[in-house]
Protein backbone atom coordinates (compact mmCIF):
# COMPACT_ATOMS: atom_id res chain seq x y z
CA MET A 1 -2.38 20.09 52.50
CA GLY A 2 0.19 21.42 50.09
CA LEU A 3 1.43 19.80 46.95
CA GLY A 4 5.14 19.21 46.66
CA SER A 5 7.02 20.22 43.59
CA VAL A 6 6.70 17.81 40.72
CA SER A 7 9.55 17.51 38.29
CA ALA A 8 8.39 17.43 34.74
CA GLN A 9 9.85 14.67 32.60
CA GLU A 10 10.90 15.58 29.15
CA SER A 11 8.71 13.83 26.61
CA LYS A 12 9.84 12.52 23.27
CA THR A 13 7.63 11.84 20.27
CA ILE A 14 8.72 9.29 17.69
CA THR A 15 6.90 9.37 14.38
CA PHE A 16 6.98 6.61 11.79
CA ASP A 17 5.25 5.27 8.71
CA THR A 18 5.11 1.60 7.92
CA PRO A 19 6.62 0.31 4.68
CA GLY A 20 3.89 0.36 2.05
CA ALA A 21 1.74 2.99 3.76
CA ASP A 22 0.27 5.63 1.48
CA THR A 23 1.73 8.89 2.77
CA LYS A 24 0.11 11.17 0.19
CA PRO A 25 -2.70 13.44 1.39
CA GLY A 26 -6.10 11.80 0.96
CA ASP A 27 -8.82 9.81 2.64
CA TYR A 28 -7.53 8.11 5.79
CA ASN A 29 -4.13 7.34 4.28
CA GLY A 30 -1.15 6.45 6.42
CA THR A 31 -0.21 4.50 9.52
CA TYR A 32 -2.45 3.88 12.54
CA SER A 33 -0.88 2.72 15.80
CA SER A 34 -3.43 0.91 17.96
CA SER A 35 -1.55 -0.58 20.89
CA ILE A 36 1.81 -0.82 22.62
CA ASN A 37 2.83 -3.50 25.09
CA ALA A 38 5.21 -3.35 28.05
CA ARG A 39 8.11 -4.46 25.82
CA GLY A 40 7.60 -1.49 23.48
CA VAL A 41 6.12 -3.52 20.62
CA ILE A 42 3.53 -1.50 18.69
CA ALA A 43 0.63 -3.02 16.73
CA GLY A 44 -1.53 -1.23 14.22
CA SER A 45 -2.46 -0.95 10.58
CA ASN A 46 -1.61 1.04 7.52
CA GLN A 47 -3.59 1.93 4.46
CA ASP A 48 -1.80 1.49 1.18
CA ALA A 49 -2.27 3.51 -2.02
CA SER A 50 -5.07 1.19 -3.16
CA GLY A 51 -7.15 1.79 -0.01
CA THR A 52 -6.42 -1.61 1.56
CA CYS A 53 -5.41 -1.95 5.22
CA HIS A 54 -2.59 -4.22 6.39
CA GLY A 55 -1.52 -5.12 9.91
CA PHE A 56 1.90 -4.35 11.33
CA LEU A 57 4.13 -4.86 14.33
CA ARG A 58 6.92 -2.42 15.11
CA SER A 59 9.68 -3.71 17.38
CA PRO A 60 11.33 -1.42 19.95
CA ASP A 61 14.34 -1.10 17.62
CA GLY A 62 12.11 0.10 14.74
CA GLU A 63 11.89 -3.10 12.69
CA PHE A 64 8.51 -3.70 10.98
CA THR A 65 6.62 -6.91 10.34
CA THR A 66 3.55 -6.51 8.14
CA PHE A 67 0.81 -9.12 7.75
CA ASP A 68 -2.69 -9.77 6.49
CA ALA A 69 -5.16 -12.00 8.31
CA ALA A 70 -6.11 -15.14 6.41
CA GLY A 71 -9.41 -14.44 4.67
CA ALA A 72 -8.96 -10.67 4.52
CA ASP A 73 -10.17 -9.07 1.31
CA LEU A 74 -7.20 -7.35 -0.33
CA THR A 75 -9.08 -6.05 -3.37
CA PRO A 76 -7.82 -2.55 -4.24
CA GLY A 77 -10.19 0.33 -3.53
CA GLY A 78 -12.35 -1.44 -1.00
CA TYR A 79 -11.16 0.13 2.29
CA ASN A 80 -10.89 -3.42 3.52
CA GLY A 81 -8.14 -5.67 4.89
CA THR A 82 -6.61 -6.24 8.31
CA SER A 83 -6.85 -3.96 11.37
CA PRO A 84 -5.06 -5.03 14.58
CA SER A 85 -6.49 -3.53 17.78
CA SER A 86 -4.10 -4.68 20.50
CA VAL A 87 -0.91 -6.57 21.29
CA ASN A 88 -0.20 -8.17 24.67
CA ASP A 89 3.15 -8.71 26.39
CA ARG A 90 3.46 -12.19 24.81
CA GLY A 91 3.13 -10.69 21.33
CA VAL A 92 -0.38 -12.01 20.64
CA ILE A 93 -2.31 -9.59 18.44
CA ALA A 94 -6.10 -9.25 18.41
CA GLY A 95 -8.01 -7.36 15.78
CA TRP A 96 -10.47 -7.60 12.95
CA TYR A 97 -10.50 -8.00 9.19
CA THR A 98 -13.02 -7.52 6.40
CA ASP A 99 -13.69 -10.39 3.98
CA ALA A 100 -14.76 -10.23 0.31
CA SER A 101 -18.44 -10.20 1.37
CA ARG A 102 -17.76 -6.98 3.36
CA PHE A 103 -18.30 -8.90 6.62
CA ASN A 104 -15.98 -8.25 9.57
CA HIS A 105 -14.36 -11.05 11.57
CA GLY A 106 -12.08 -11.13 14.61
CA PHE A 107 -8.62 -12.67 14.51
CA LEU A 108 -5.78 -13.62 16.83
CA ARG A 109 -2.20 -13.70 15.60
CA SER A 110 0.41 -15.34 17.77
CA PRO A 111 4.12 -14.65 17.39
CA THR A 112 4.59 -18.01 15.63
CA GLU A 113 1.27 -18.34 13.84
CA ILE A 114 -0.09 -16.14 11.06
CA SER A 115 -3.70 -16.02 12.23
CA ASN A 116 -6.59 -17.96 13.72
CA HIS A 117 -10.07 -17.02 12.72
CA LEU A 118 -12.22 -16.51 15.77
CA THR A 119 -15.24 -17.21 13.58
CA SER A 120 -13.73 -20.58 12.61
CA LEU A 121 -13.15 -21.37 16.27
CA ALA A 122 -16.72 -20.42 17.12
CA GLN A 123 -17.97 -22.60 14.24
CA ALA A 124 -15.88 -25.56 15.44
CA VAL A 125 -17.34 -25.24 18.95
CA THR A 126 -20.86 -24.94 17.52
CA ASP A 127 -20.32 -28.01 15.32
CA HIS A 128 -18.91 -29.98 18.25
CA PHE A 129 -21.98 -29.40 20.40
CA ARG A 130 -24.38 -29.87 17.49
CA LEU A 131 -23.00 -33.38 16.90
CA ARG A 132 -23.64 -34.51 20.47
């Protein structure tokens, strides 16, 4: 069984840095892309000059939206903050953030809502069943 000829597609690499990302050489500085959806929207995080991570979305036309999950510790020098992991085709972002107690939490961010704490949701469900 022979293999037919396969035409190679030319690849193209696009590089970018989010606004506010520390682009100087150092510990883990820069922009981290985590996920891309079918629409070409990219989610990820950047580390700023103070060592704090912030979430971002990059639209297919190159426009950036940056955000921090509610409850994320933004204290300079802590290597803390917001770290998106994925974005689905509806624009919902999942990820994690570190709070001031150095504890990590999950979050969901919808296109119209800043963030919902998964830990708050879990606590609400726990409280609901505890009251019954």
